[in-house]
Amino acid sequence: MKRLLTLTLTLTIGTLCLFFVTSVQAENMIWANDYRTITNVYPDSDFQFYLGGDTIDNSSSCPNRFVIRHSDPNYKVKVATILTAFSNGKKVKIKYDDDHTGCGTPVSMFKVEN
């Protein structure tokens, strides 16, 4: 009886672990096709900015609104770079989470146009 209970418990835990591992959504980070002008910047609990032009992330509920999370290890450097590019009229190309469906698509990296 004890062996049957242990086997049942092990199979149940294994099934639950398999379910949770397969249902976790990973980020799908991709590069945007082109460099874009930063149209608006504003701080909030995270740093958010808008890029001009056609919609980049069709999954997002807020077109062309992107965010650098405050928890990002390079938060200050990224924000300073975005603000410098914005103030100098430089364009940026972003690497973003294509699976994000909320407002403010997370950005993992970006390049500033020369």
PDB file of N, CA and C in Angstrom:
ATOM      1  N   MET A   1       0.826  -1.194   0.000  1.00  0.00           N
ATOM      2  CA  MET A   1       0.000   0.000   0.000  1.00  0.00           C
ATOM      3  C   MET A   1       0.871   1.260   0.000  1.00  0.00           C
ATOM      4  N   LYS A   2       1.911   1.230   0.847  1.00  0.00           N
ATOM      5  CA  LYS A   2       2.794   2.389   0.930  1.00  0.00           C
ATOM      6  C   LYS A   2       3.508   2.625  -0.404  1.00  0.00           C
ATOM      7  N   ARG A   3       3.912   1.527  -1.046  1.00  0.00           N
ATOM      8  CA  ARG A   3       4.595   1.626  -2.330  1.00  0.00           C
ATOM      9  C   ARG A   3       3.656   2.201  -3.407  1.00  0.00           C
ATOM     10  N   LEU A   4       2.406   1.798  -3.419  1.00  0.00           N
ATOM     11  CA  LEU A   4       1.420   2.299  -4.368  1.00  0.00           C
ATOM     12  C   LEU A   4       1.162   3.788  -4.153  1.00  0.00           C
ATOM     13  N   LEU A   5       1.078   4.215  -2.907  1.00  0.00           N
ATOM     14  CA  LEU A   5       0.882   5.629  -2.586  1.00  0.00           C
ATOM     15  C   LEU A   5       2.078   6.463  -3.034  1.00  0.00           C
ATOM     16  N   THR A   6       3.286   5.951  -2.801  1.00  0.00           N
ATOM     17  CA  THR A   6       4.501   6.654  -3.212  1.00  0.00           C
ATOM     18  C   THR A   6       4.563   6.767  -4.738  1.00  0.00           C
ATOM     19  N   LEU A   7       4.238   5.704  -5.430  1.00  0.00           N
ATOM     20  CA  LEU A   7       4.236   5.709  -6.890  1.00  0.00           C
ATOM     21  C   LEU A   7       3.196   6.694  -7.438  1.00  0.00           C
ATOM     22  N   THR A   8       2.016   6.698  -6.865  1.00  0.00           N
ATOM     23  CA  THR A   8       0.961   7.617  -7.286  1.00  0.00           C
ATOM     24  C   THR A   8       1.370   9.066  -7.051  1.00  0.00           C
ATOM     25  N   LEU A   9       1.941   9.331  -5.896  1.00  0.00           N
ATOM     26  CA  LEU A   9       2.389  10.685  -5.571  1.00  0.00           C
ATOM     27  C   LEU A   9       3.506  11.129  -6.519  1.00  0.00           C
ATOM     28  N   THR A  10       4.437  10.246  -6.801  1.00  0.00           N
ATOM     29  CA  THR A  10       5.534  10.560  -7.717  1.00  0.00           C
ATOM     30  C   THR A  10       5.010  10.851  -9.118  1.00  0.00           C
ATOM     31  N   LEU A  11       4.093  10.045  -9.606  1.00  0.00           N
ATOM     32  CA  LEU A  11       3.519  10.276 -10.937  1.00  0.00           C
ATOM     33  C   LEU A  11       2.724  11.579 -10.986  1.00  0.00           C
ATOM     34  N   THR A  12       2.007  11.899  -9.930  1.00  0.00           N
ATOM     35  CA  THR A  12       1.229  13.137  -9.885  1.00  0.00           C
ATOM     36  C   THR A  12       2.148  14.356  -9.899  1.00  0.00           C
ATOM     37  N   ILE A  13       3.179  14.318  -9.091  1.00  0.00           N
ATOM     38  CA  ILE A  13       4.135  15.431  -9.055  1.00  0.00           C
ATOM     39  C   ILE A  13       4.847  15.556 -10.401  1.00  0.00           C
ATOM     40  N   GLY A  14       5.243  14.449 -10.988  1.00  0.00           N
ATOM     41  CA  GLY A  14       5.904  14.473 -12.295  1.00  0.00           C
ATOM     42  C   GLY A  14       5.000  15.052 -13.383  1.00  0.00           C
ATOM     43  N   THR A  15       3.737  14.676 -13.362  1.00  0.00           N
ATOM     44  CA  THR A  15       2.776  15.208 -14.337  1.00  0.00           C
ATOM     45  C   THR A  15       2.590  16.705 -14.159  1.00  0.00           C
ATOM     46  N   LEU A  16       2.466  17.163 -12.918  1.00  0.00           N
ATOM     47  CA  LEU A  16       2.311  18.599 -12.662  1.00  0.00           C
ATOM     48  C   LEU A  16       3.547  19.383 -13.096  1.00  0.00           C
ATOM     49  N   CYS A  17       4.723  18.848 -12.806  1.00  0.00           N
ATOM     50  CA  CYS A  17       5.965  19.520 -13.228  1.00  0.00           C
ATOM     51  C   CYS A  17       6.033  19.618 -14.741  1.00  0.00           C
ATOM     52  N   LEU A  18       5.694  18.548 -15.431  1.00  0.00           N
ATOM     53  CA  LEU A  18       5.697  18.554 -16.890  1.00  0.00           C
ATOM     54  C   LEU A  18       4.710  19.585 -17.432  1.00  0.00           C
ATOM     55  N   PHE A  19       3.537  19.676 -16.835  1.00  0.00           N
ATOM     56  CA  PHE A  19       2.534  20.658 -17.257  1.00  0.00           C
ATOM     57  C   PHE A  19       3.062  22.080 -17.090  1.00  0.00           C
ATOM     58  N   PHE A  20       3.640  22.387 -15.929  1.00  0.00           N
ATOM     59  CA  PHE A  20       4.121  23.741 -15.676  1.00  0.00           C
ATOM     60  C   PHE A  20       5.307  24.108 -16.571  1.00  0.00           C
ATOM     61  N   VAL A  21       6.194  23.171 -16.818  1.00  0.00           N
ATOM     62  CA  VAL A  21       7.358  23.443 -17.659  1.00  0.00           C
ATOM     63  C   VAL A  21       6.923  23.714 -19.099  1.00  0.00           C
ATOM     64  N   THR A  22       5.953  22.966 -19.604  1.00  0.00           N
ATOM     65  CA  THR A  22       5.522  23.155 -20.991  1.00  0.00           C
ATOM     66  C   THR A  22       4.597  24.354 -21.161  1.00  0.00           C
ATOM     67  N   SER A  23       4.006  24.862 -20.090  1.00  0.00           N
ATOM     68  CA  SER A  23       3.084  25.995 -20.223  1.00  0.00           C
ATOM     69  C   SER A  23       3.754  27.348 -19.996  1.00  0.00           C
ATOM     70  N   VAL A  24       5.008  27.360 -19.604  1.00  0.00           N
ATOM     71  CA  VAL A  24       5.732  28.612 -19.376  1.00  0.00           C
ATOM     72  C   VAL A  24       6.044  29.252 -20.727  1.00  0.00           C
ATOM     73  N   GLN A  25       5.747  30.547 -20.857  1.00  0.00           N
ATOM     74  CA  GLN A  25       6.024  31.240 -22.111  1.00  0.00           C
ATOM     75  C   GLN A  25       7.384  31.917 -22.025  1.00  0.00           C
ATOM     76  N   ALA A  26       8.216  31.636 -22.979  1.00  0.00           N
ATOM     77  CA  ALA A  26       9.524  32.281 -23.046  1.00  0.00           C
ATOM     78  C   ALA A  26       9.402  33.567 -23.849  1.00  0.00           C
ATOM     79  N   GLU A  27      10.295  34.492 -23.593  1.00  0.00           N
ATOM     80  CA  GLU A  27      10.305  35.717 -24.378  1.00  0.00           C
ATOM     81  C   GLU A  27      10.784  35.400 -25.778  1.00  0.00           C
ATOM     82  N   ASN A  28      10.242  36.104 -26.735  1.00  0.00           N
ATOM     83  CA  ASN A  28      10.635  35.941 -28.121  1.00  0.00           C
ATOM     84  C   ASN A  28      11.254  37.252 -28.580  1.00  0.00           C
ATOM     85  N   MET A  29      12.524  37.439 -28.271  1.00  0.00           N
ATOM     86  CA  MET A  29      13.202  38.687 -28.582  1.00  0.00           C
ATOM     87  C   MET A  29      13.642  38.710 -30.042  1.00  0.00           C
ATOM     88  N   ILE A  30      13.208  39.747 -30.769  1.00  0.00           N
ATOM     89  CA  ILE A  30      13.601  39.913 -32.168  1.00  0.00           C
ATOM     90  C   ILE A  30      13.986  41.368 -32.423  1.00  0.00           C
ATOM     91  N   TRP A  31      14.781  41.586 -33.453  1.00  0.00           N
ATOM     92  CA  TRP A  31      15.183  42.939 -33.831  1.00  0.00           C
ATOM     93  C   TRP A  31      14.132  43.551 -34.740  1.00  0.00           C
ATOM     94  N   ALA A  32      13.845  44.813 -34.540  1.00  0.00           N
ATOM     95  CA  ALA A  32      12.977  45.549 -35.448  1.00  0.00           C
ATOM     96  C   ALA A  32      13.663  45.650 -36.805  1.00  0.00           C
ATOM     97  N   ASN A  33      12.879  45.900 -37.839  1.00  0.00           N
ATOM     98  CA  ASN A  33      13.426  45.937 -39.200  1.00  0.00           C
ATOM     99  C   ASN A  33      14.284  47.155 -39.488  1.00  0.00           C
ATOM    100  N   ASP A  34      13.993  48.281 -38.834  1.00  0.00           N
ATOM    101  CA  ASP A  34      14.690  49.507 -39.198  1.00  0.00           C
ATOM    102  C   ASP A  34      14.896  50.427 -37.991  1.00  0.00           C
ATOM    103  N   TYR A  35      15.639  51.490 -38.229  1.00  0.00           N
ATOM    104  CA  TYR A  35      15.859  52.506 -37.208  1.00  0.00           C
ATOM    105  C   TYR A  35      14.661  53.450 -37.195  1.00  0.00           C
ATOM    106  N   ARG A  36      14.238  53.864 -35.997  1.00  0.00           N
ATOM    107  CA  ARG A  36      13.071  54.726 -35.850  1.00  0.00           C
ATOM    108  C   ARG A  36      13.399  55.941 -35.005  1.00  0.00           C
ATOM    109  N   THR A  37      12.649  57.018 -35.234  1.00  0.00           N
ATOM    110  CA  THR A  37      12.767  58.238 -34.447  1.00  0.00           C
ATOM    111  C   THR A  37      12.024  58.068 -33.123  1.00  0.00           C
ATOM    112  N   ILE A  38      12.639  58.486 -32.050  1.00  0.00           N
ATOM    113  CA  ILE A  38      11.996  58.474 -30.735  1.00  0.00           C
ATOM    114  C   ILE A  38      11.092  59.705 -30.689  1.00  0.00           C
ATOM    115  N   THR A  39       9.790  59.498 -30.532  1.00  0.00           N
ATOM    116  CA  THR A  39       8.851  60.623 -30.563  1.00  0.00           C
ATOM    117  C   THR A  39       8.513  61.165 -29.183  1.00  0.00           C
ATOM    118  N   ASN A  40       8.454  60.305 -28.182  1.00  0.00           N
ATOM    119  CA  ASN A  40       8.131  60.719 -26.807  1.00  0.00           C
ATOM    120  C   ASN A  40       8.908  59.860 -25.828  1.00  0.00           C
ATOM    121  N   VAL A  41       9.327  60.462 -24.721  1.00  0.00           N
ATOM    122  CA  VAL A  41       9.955  59.718 -23.630  1.00  0.00           C
ATOM    123  C   VAL A  41       9.316  60.167 -22.331  1.00  0.00           C
ATOM    124  N   TYR A  42       9.165  59.255 -21.412  1.00  0.00           N
ATOM    125  CA  TYR A  42       8.666  59.650 -20.104  1.00  0.00           C
ATOM    126  C   TYR A  42       8.979  58.587 -19.056  1.00  0.00           C
ATOM    127  N   PRO A  43       9.339  59.061 -17.872  1.00  0.00           N
ATOM    128  CA  PRO A  43       9.575  58.126 -16.766  1.00  0.00           C
ATOM    129  C   PRO A  43       8.246  57.758 -16.118  1.00  0.00           C
ATOM    130  N   ASP A  44       8.195  56.585 -15.629  1.00  0.00           N
ATOM    131  CA  ASP A  44       7.055  56.088 -14.860  1.00  0.00           C
ATOM    132  C   ASP A  44       7.702  55.183 -13.827  1.00  0.00           C
ATOM    133  N   SER A  45       7.053  54.133 -13.417  1.00  0.00           N
ATOM    134  CA  SER A  45       7.743  53.193 -12.547  1.00  0.00           C
ATOM    135  C   SER A  45       8.882  52.535 -13.333  1.00  0.00           C
ATOM    136  N   ASP A  46       8.722  52.468 -14.647  1.00  0.00           N
ATOM    137  CA  ASP A  46       9.762  52.057 -15.586  1.00  0.00           C
ATOM    138  C   ASP A  46       9.902  53.187 -16.608  1.00  0.00           C
ATOM    139  N   PHE A  47      10.959  53.157 -17.416  1.00  0.00           N
ATOM    140  CA  PHE A  47      11.158  54.200 -18.426  1.00  0.00           C
ATOM    141  C   PHE A  47      10.468  53.777 -19.710  1.00  0.00           C
ATOM    142  N   GLN A  48       9.590  54.628 -20.231  1.00  0.00           N
ATOM    143  CA  GLN A  48       8.838  54.294 -21.429  1.00  0.00           C
ATOM    144  C   GLN A  48       9.079  55.311 -22.527  1.00  0.00           C
ATOM    145  N   PHE A  49       9.019  54.836 -23.772  1.00  0.00           N
ATOM    146  CA  PHE A  49       9.216  55.723 -24.916  1.00  0.00           C
ATOM    147  C   PHE A  49       8.424  55.217 -26.109  1.00  0.00           C
ATOM    148  N   TYR A  50       8.114  56.142 -27.008  1.00  0.00           N
ATOM    149  CA  TYR A  50       7.410  55.822 -28.246  1.00  0.00           C
ATOM    150  C   TYR A  50       8.355  55.977 -29.431  1.00  0.00           C
ATOM    151  N   LEU A  51       8.144  55.138 -30.443  1.00  0.00           N
ATOM    152  CA  LEU A  51       8.882  55.246 -31.690  1.00  0.00           C
ATOM    153  C   LEU A  51       7.911  55.571 -32.808  1.00  0.00           C
ATOM    154  N   GLY A  52       8.332  56.412 -33.736  1.00  0.00           N
ATOM    155  CA  GLY A  52       7.480  56.816 -34.851  1.00  0.00           C
ATOM    156  C   GLY A  52       7.380  55.742 -35.921  1.00  0.00           C
ATOM    157  N   GLY A  53       6.501  55.986 -36.889  1.00  0.00           N
ATOM    158  CA  GLY A  53       6.363  55.088 -38.037  1.00  0.00           C
ATOM    159  C   GLY A  53       5.288  54.037 -37.833  1.00  0.00           C
ATOM    160  N   ASP A  54       5.293  53.067 -38.736  1.00  0.00           N
ATOM    161  CA  ASP A  54       4.318  51.977 -38.700  1.00  0.00           C
ATOM    162  C   ASP A  54       4.478  51.149 -37.429  1.00  0.00           C
ATOM    163  N   THR A  55       3.445  50.416 -37.087  1.00  0.00           N
ATOM    164  CA  THR A  55       3.461  49.569 -35.900  1.00  0.00           C
ATOM    165  C   THR A  55       4.573  48.534 -35.998  1.00  0.00           C
ATOM    166  N   ILE A  56       5.364  48.457 -34.932  1.00  0.00           N
ATOM    167  CA  ILE A  56       6.474  47.501 -34.887  1.00  0.00           C
ATOM    168  C   ILE A  56       6.002  46.172 -34.298  1.00  0.00           C
ATOM    169  N   ASP A  57       5.374  46.222 -33.126  1.00  0.00           N
ATOM    170  CA  ASP A  57       4.935  45.010 -32.425  1.00  0.00           C
ATOM    171  C   ASP A  57       3.422  44.881 -32.549  1.00  0.00           C
ATOM    172  N   ASN A  58       2.974  44.049 -33.465  1.00  0.00           N
ATOM    173  CA  ASN A  58       1.539  43.868 -33.694  1.00  0.00           C
ATOM    174  C   ASN A  58       0.831  43.179 -32.532  1.00  0.00           C
ATOM    175  N   SER A  59       1.570  42.524 -31.651  1.00  0.00           N
ATOM    176  CA  SER A  59       0.974  41.839 -30.506  1.00  0.00           C
ATOM    177  C   SER A  59       0.640  42.806 -29.368  1.00  0.00           C
ATOM    178  N   SER A  60       1.280  43.959 -29.349  1.00  0.00           N
ATOM    179  CA  SER A  60       1.130  44.916 -28.248  1.00  0.00           C
ATOM    180  C   SER A  60      -0.210  45.635 -28.304  1.00  0.00           C
ATOM    181  N   SER A  61      -0.757  45.935 -27.138  1.00  0.00           N
ATOM    182  CA  SER A  61      -2.009  46.691 -27.078  1.00  0.00           C
ATOM    183  C   SER A  61      -1.758  48.195 -27.198  1.00  0.00           C
ATOM    184  N   CYS A  62      -0.515  48.640 -27.130  1.00  0.00           N
ATOM    185  CA  CYS A  62      -0.148  50.052 -27.305  1.00  0.00           C
ATOM    186  C   CYS A  62       0.915  50.131 -28.398  1.00  0.00           C
ATOM    187  N   PRO A  63       0.507  50.403 -29.634  1.00  0.00           N
ATOM    188  CA  PRO A  63       1.465  50.399 -30.746  1.00  0.00           C
ATOM    189  C   PRO A  63       2.652  51.331 -30.514  1.00  0.00           C
ATOM    190  N   ASN A  64       3.824  50.797 -30.753  1.00  0.00           N
ATOM    191  CA  ASN A  64       5.095  51.532 -30.713  1.00  0.00           C
ATOM    192  C   ASN A  64       5.414  52.162 -29.363  1.00  0.00           C
ATOM    193  N   ARG A  65       4.844  51.648 -28.302  1.00  0.00           N
ATOM    194  CA  ARG A  65       5.202  52.073 -26.944  1.00  0.00           C
ATOM    195  C   ARG A  65       6.094  50.988 -26.358  1.00  0.00           C
ATOM    196  N   PHE A  66       7.296  51.381 -25.957  1.00  0.00           N
ATOM    197  CA  PHE A  66       8.277  50.423 -25.463  1.00  0.00           C
ATOM    198  C   PHE A  66       8.739  50.813 -24.070  1.00  0.00           C
ATOM    199  N   VAL A  67       9.272  49.844 -23.350  1.00  0.00           N
ATOM    200  CA  VAL A  67       9.634  50.064 -21.960  1.00  0.00           C
ATOM    201  C   VAL A  67      10.981  49.436 -21.635  1.00  0.00           C
ATOM    202  N   ILE A  68      11.729  50.149 -20.803  1.00  0.00           N
ATOM    203  CA  ILE A  68      12.938  49.593 -20.194  1.00  0.00           C
ATOM    204  C   ILE A  68      12.592  49.421 -18.724  1.00  0.00           C
ATOM    205  N   ARG A  69      12.570  48.206 -18.269  1.00  0.00           N
ATOM    206  CA  ARG A  69      12.159  47.895 -16.899  1.00  0.00           C
ATOM    207  C   ARG A  69      13.177  48.409 -15.886  1.00  0.00           C
ATOM    208  N   HIS A  70      12.660  48.938 -14.785  1.00  0.00           N
ATOM    209  CA  HIS A  70      13.515  49.456 -13.713  1.00  0.00           C
ATOM    210  C   HIS A  70      14.420  48.359 -13.138  1.00  0.00           C
ATOM    211  N   SER A  71      13.972  47.119 -13.250  1.00  0.00           N
ATOM    212  CA  SER A  71      14.738  45.985 -12.732  1.00  0.00           C
ATOM    213  C   SER A  71      15.865  45.547 -13.672  1.00  0.00           C
ATOM    214  N   ASP A  72      15.934  46.121 -14.865  1.00  0.00           N
ATOM    215  CA  ASP A  72      16.990  45.790 -15.820  1.00  0.00           C
ATOM    216  C   ASP A  72      18.348  46.133 -15.196  1.00  0.00           C
ATOM    217  N   PRO A  73      19.319  45.226 -15.248  1.00  0.00           N
ATOM    218  CA  PRO A  73      20.615  45.500 -14.622  1.00  0.00           C
ATOM    219  C   PRO A  73      21.337  46.708 -15.222  1.00  0.00           C
ATOM    220  N   ASN A  74      21.044  47.050 -16.461  1.00  0.00           N
ATOM    221  CA  ASN A  74      21.675  48.210 -17.118  1.00  0.00           C
ATOM    222  C   ASN A  74      20.684  49.353 -17.306  1.00  0.00           C
ATOM    223  N   TYR A  75      19.717  49.443 -16.423  1.00  0.00           N
ATOM    224  CA  TYR A  75      18.642  50.426 -16.544  1.00  0.00           C
ATOM    225  C   TYR A  75      19.165  51.848 -16.747  1.00  0.00           C
ATOM    226  N   LYS A  76      20.057  52.305 -15.889  1.00  0.00           N
ATOM    227  CA  LYS A  76      20.536  53.693 -15.955  1.00  0.00           C
ATOM    228  C   LYS A  76      21.283  53.976 -17.251  1.00  0.00           C
ATOM    229  N   VAL A  77      22.101  53.045 -17.694  1.00  0.00           N
ATOM    230  CA  VAL A  77      22.861  53.228 -18.927  1.00  0.00           C
ATOM    231  C   VAL A  77      21.919  53.270 -20.128  1.00  0.00           C
ATOM    232  N   LYS A  78      20.952  52.370 -20.168  1.00  0.00           N
ATOM    233  CA  LYS A  78      20.002  52.326 -21.283  1.00  0.00           C
ATOM    234  C   LYS A  78      19.159  53.598 -21.338  1.00  0.00           C
ATOM    235  N   VAL A  79      18.671  54.038 -20.193  1.00  0.00           N
ATOM    236  CA  VAL A  79      17.849  55.253 -20.153  1.00  0.00           C
ATOM    237  C   VAL A  79      18.672  56.467 -20.572  1.00  0.00           C
ATOM    238  N   ALA A  80      19.893  56.574 -20.074  1.00  0.00           N
ATOM    239  CA  ALA A  80      20.756  57.695 -20.448  1.00  0.00           C
ATOM    240  C   ALA A  80      21.029  57.688 -21.946  1.00  0.00           C
ATOM    241  N   THR A  81      21.223  56.524 -22.527  1.00  0.00           N
ATOM    242  CA  THR A  81      21.489  56.421 -23.960  1.00  0.00           C
ATOM    243  C   THR A  81      20.261  56.806 -24.775  1.00  0.00           C
ATOM    244  N   ILE A  82      19.087  56.342 -24.354  1.00  0.00           N
ATOM    245  CA  ILE A  82      17.843  56.704 -25.053  1.00  0.00           C
ATOM    246  C   ILE A  82      17.615  58.211 -24.965  1.00  0.00           C
ATOM    247  N   LEU A  83      17.819  58.799 -23.791  1.00  0.00           N
ATOM    248  CA  LEU A  83      17.623  60.248 -23.633  1.00  0.00           C
ATOM    249  C   LEU A  83      18.619  61.049 -24.483  1.00  0.00           C
ATOM    250  N   THR A  84      19.853  60.578 -24.561  1.00  0.00           N
ATOM    251  CA  THR A  84      20.853  61.249 -25.389  1.00  0.00           C
ATOM    252  C   THR A  84      20.471  61.157 -26.866  1.00  0.00           C
ATOM    253  N   ALA A  85      20.056  59.974 -27.304  1.00  0.00           N
ATOM    254  CA  ALA A  85      19.629  59.805 -28.696  1.00  0.00           C
ATOM    255  C   ALA A  85      18.420  60.695 -28.992  1.00  0.00           C
ATOM    256  N   PHE A  86      17.473  60.745 -28.070  1.00  0.00           N
ATOM    257  CA  PHE A  86      16.274  61.565 -28.236  1.00  0.00           C
ATOM    258  C   PHE A  86      16.632  63.048 -28.350  1.00  0.00           C
ATOM    259  N   SER A  87      17.496  63.522 -27.464  1.00  0.00           N
ATOM    260  CA  SER A  87      17.845  64.942 -27.460  1.00  0.00           C
ATOM    261  C   SER A  87      18.691  65.343 -28.676  1.00  0.00           C
ATOM    262  N   ASN A  88      19.391  64.374 -29.275  1.00  0.00           N
ATOM    263  CA  ASN A  88      20.214  64.654 -30.453  1.00  0.00           C
ATOM    264  C   ASN A  88      19.525  64.280 -31.769  1.00  0.00           C
ATOM    265  N   GLY A  89      18.273  63.865 -31.690  1.00  0.00           N
ATOM    266  CA  GLY A  89      17.528  63.520 -32.903  1.00  0.00           C
ATOM    267  C   GLY A  89      18.012  62.269 -33.602  1.00  0.00           C
ATOM    268  N   LYS A  90      18.661  61.376 -32.874  1.00  0.00           N
ATOM    269  CA  LYS A  90      19.162  60.125 -33.451  1.00  0.00           C
ATOM    270  C   LYS A  90      18.049  59.076 -33.474  1.00  0.00           C
ATOM    271  N   LYS A  91      18.128  58.167 -34.416  1.00  0.00           N
ATOM    272  CA  LYS A  91      17.169  57.071 -34.518  1.00  0.00           C
ATOM    273  C   LYS A  91      17.730  55.842 -33.800  1.00  0.00           C
ATOM    274  N   VAL A  92      16.818  54.962 -33.369  1.00  0.00           N
ATOM    275  CA  VAL A  92      17.227  53.731 -32.691  1.00  0.00           C
ATOM    276  C   VAL A  92      16.575  52.520 -33.356  1.00  0.00           C
ATOM    277  N   LYS A  93      17.250  51.410 -33.238  1.00  0.00           N
ATOM    278  CA  LYS A  93      16.732  50.118 -33.677  1.00  0.00           C
ATOM    279  C   LYS A  93      16.665  49.258 -32.429  1.00  0.00           C
ATOM    280  N   ILE A  94      15.521  48.644 -32.164  1.00  0.00           N
ATOM    281  CA  ILE A  94      15.319  47.943 -30.895  1.00  0.00           C
ATOM    282  C   ILE A  94      15.212  46.429 -31.076  1.00  0.00           C
ATOM    283  N   LYS A  95      15.560  45.729 -30.007  1.00  0.00           N
ATOM    284  CA  LYS A  95      15.315  44.294 -29.892  1.00  0.00           C
ATOM    285  C   LYS A  95      14.248  44.167 -28.822  1.00  0.00           C
ATOM    286  N   TYR A  96      13.113  43.602 -29.164  1.00  0.00           N
ATOM    287  CA  TYR A  96      11.946  43.628 -28.279  1.00  0.00           C
ATOM    288  C   TYR A  96      11.302  42.252 -28.152  1.00  0.00           C
ATOM    289  N   ASP A  97      10.411  42.135 -27.173  1.00  0.00           N
ATOM    290  CA  ASP A  97       9.700  40.892 -26.915  1.00  0.00           C
ATOM    291  C   ASP A  97       8.459  40.830 -27.801  1.00  0.00           C
ATOM    292  N   ASP A  98       8.529  40.045 -28.863  1.00  0.00           N
ATOM    293  CA  ASP A  98       7.448  39.941 -29.841  1.00  0.00           C
ATOM    294  C   ASP A  98       6.210  39.234 -29.288  1.00  0.00           C
ATOM    295  N   ASP A  99       6.342  38.518 -28.188  1.00  0.00           N
ATOM    296  CA  ASP A  99       5.209  37.802 -27.597  1.00  0.00           C
ATOM    297  C   ASP A  99       4.431  38.638 -26.592  1.00  0.00           C
ATOM    298  N   HIS A 100       4.930  39.818 -26.260  1.00  0.00           N
ATOM    299  CA  HIS A 100       4.290  40.640 -25.236  1.00  0.00           C
ATOM    300  C   HIS A 100       2.989  41.225 -25.772  1.00  0.00           C
ATOM    301  N   THR A 101       1.896  41.057 -25.026  1.00  0.00           N
ATOM    302  CA  THR A 101       0.595  41.543 -25.492  1.00  0.00           C
ATOM    303  C   THR A 101       0.083  42.726 -24.685  1.00  0.00           C
ATOM    304  N   GLY A 102       0.794  43.110 -23.644  1.00  0.00           N
ATOM    305  CA  GLY A 102       0.364  44.240 -22.827  1.00  0.00           C
ATOM    306  C   GLY A 102       0.781  45.558 -23.442  1.00  0.00           C
ATOM    307  N   CYS A 103       0.586  46.629 -22.691  1.00  0.00           N
ATOM    308  CA  CYS A 103       0.950  47.960 -23.147  1.00  0.00           C
ATOM    309  C   CYS A 103       2.386  48.252 -22.698  1.00  0.00           C
ATOM    310  N   GLY A 104       3.235  48.636 -23.613  1.00  0.00           N
ATOM    311  CA  GLY A 104       4.640  48.902 -23.283  1.00  0.00           C
ATOM    312  C   GLY A 104       5.470  47.650 -23.477  1.00  0.00           C
ATOM    313  N   THR A 105       5.872  47.374 -24.697  1.00  0.00           N
ATOM    314  CA  THR A 105       6.654  46.186 -25.014  1.00  0.00           C
ATOM    315  C   THR A 105       8.063  46.296 -24.445  1.00  0.00           C
ATOM    316  N   PRO A 106       8.515  45.293 -23.691  1.00  0.00           N
ATOM    317  CA  PRO A 106       9.869  45.329 -23.125  1.00  0.00           C
ATOM    318  C   PRO A 106      10.954  45.300 -24.200  1.00  0.00           C
ATOM    319  N   VAL A 107      11.985  46.105 -23.986  1.00  0.00           N
ATOM    320  CA  VAL A 107      13.139  46.176 -24.893  1.00  0.00           C
ATOM    321  C   VAL A 107      14.335  45.579 -24.166  1.00  0.00           C
ATOM    322  N   SER A 108      15.027  44.655 -24.836  1.00  0.00           N
ATOM    323  CA  SER A 108      16.205  44.037 -24.209  1.00  0.00           C
ATOM    324  C   SER A 108      17.492  44.743 -24.636  1.00  0.00           C
ATOM    325  N   MET A 109      17.533  45.212 -25.891  1.00  0.00           N
ATOM    326  CA  MET A 109      18.714  45.893 -26.434  1.00  0.00           C
ATOM    327  C   MET A 109      18.259  46.923 -27.463  1.00  0.00           C
ATOM    328  N   PHE A 110      19.162  47.806 -27.797  1.00  0.00           N
ATOM    329  CA  PHE A 110      18.903  48.718 -28.902  1.00  0.00           C
ATOM    330  C   PHE A 110      20.214  49.243 -29.441  1.00  0.00           C
ATOM    331  N   LYS A 111      20.158  49.736 -30.662  1.00  0.00           N
ATOM    332  CA  LYS A 111      21.317  50.359 -31.313  1.00  0.00           C
ATOM    333  C   LYS A 111      20.932  51.772 -31.677  1.00  0.00           C
ATOM    334  N   VAL A 112      21.876  52.687 -31.535  1.00  0.00           N
ATOM    335  CA  VAL A 112      21.650  54.076 -31.932  1.00  0.00           C
ATOM    336  C   VAL A 112      22.313  54.268 -33.290  1.00  0.00           C
ATOM    337  N   GLU A 113      21.566  54.863 -34.225  1.00  0.00           N
ATOM    338  CA  GLU A 113      22.081  55.107 -35.565  1.00  0.00           C
ATOM    339  C   GLU A 113      23.226  56.093 -35.533  1.00  0.00           C
ATOM    340  N   ASN A 114      24.251  55.868 -36.327  1.00  0.00           N
ATOM    341  CA  ASN A 114      25.404  56.773 -36.404  1.00  0.00           C
ATOM    342  C   ASN A 114      25.028  58.107 -37.005  1.00  0.00           C
TER     343      ASN A 114
END
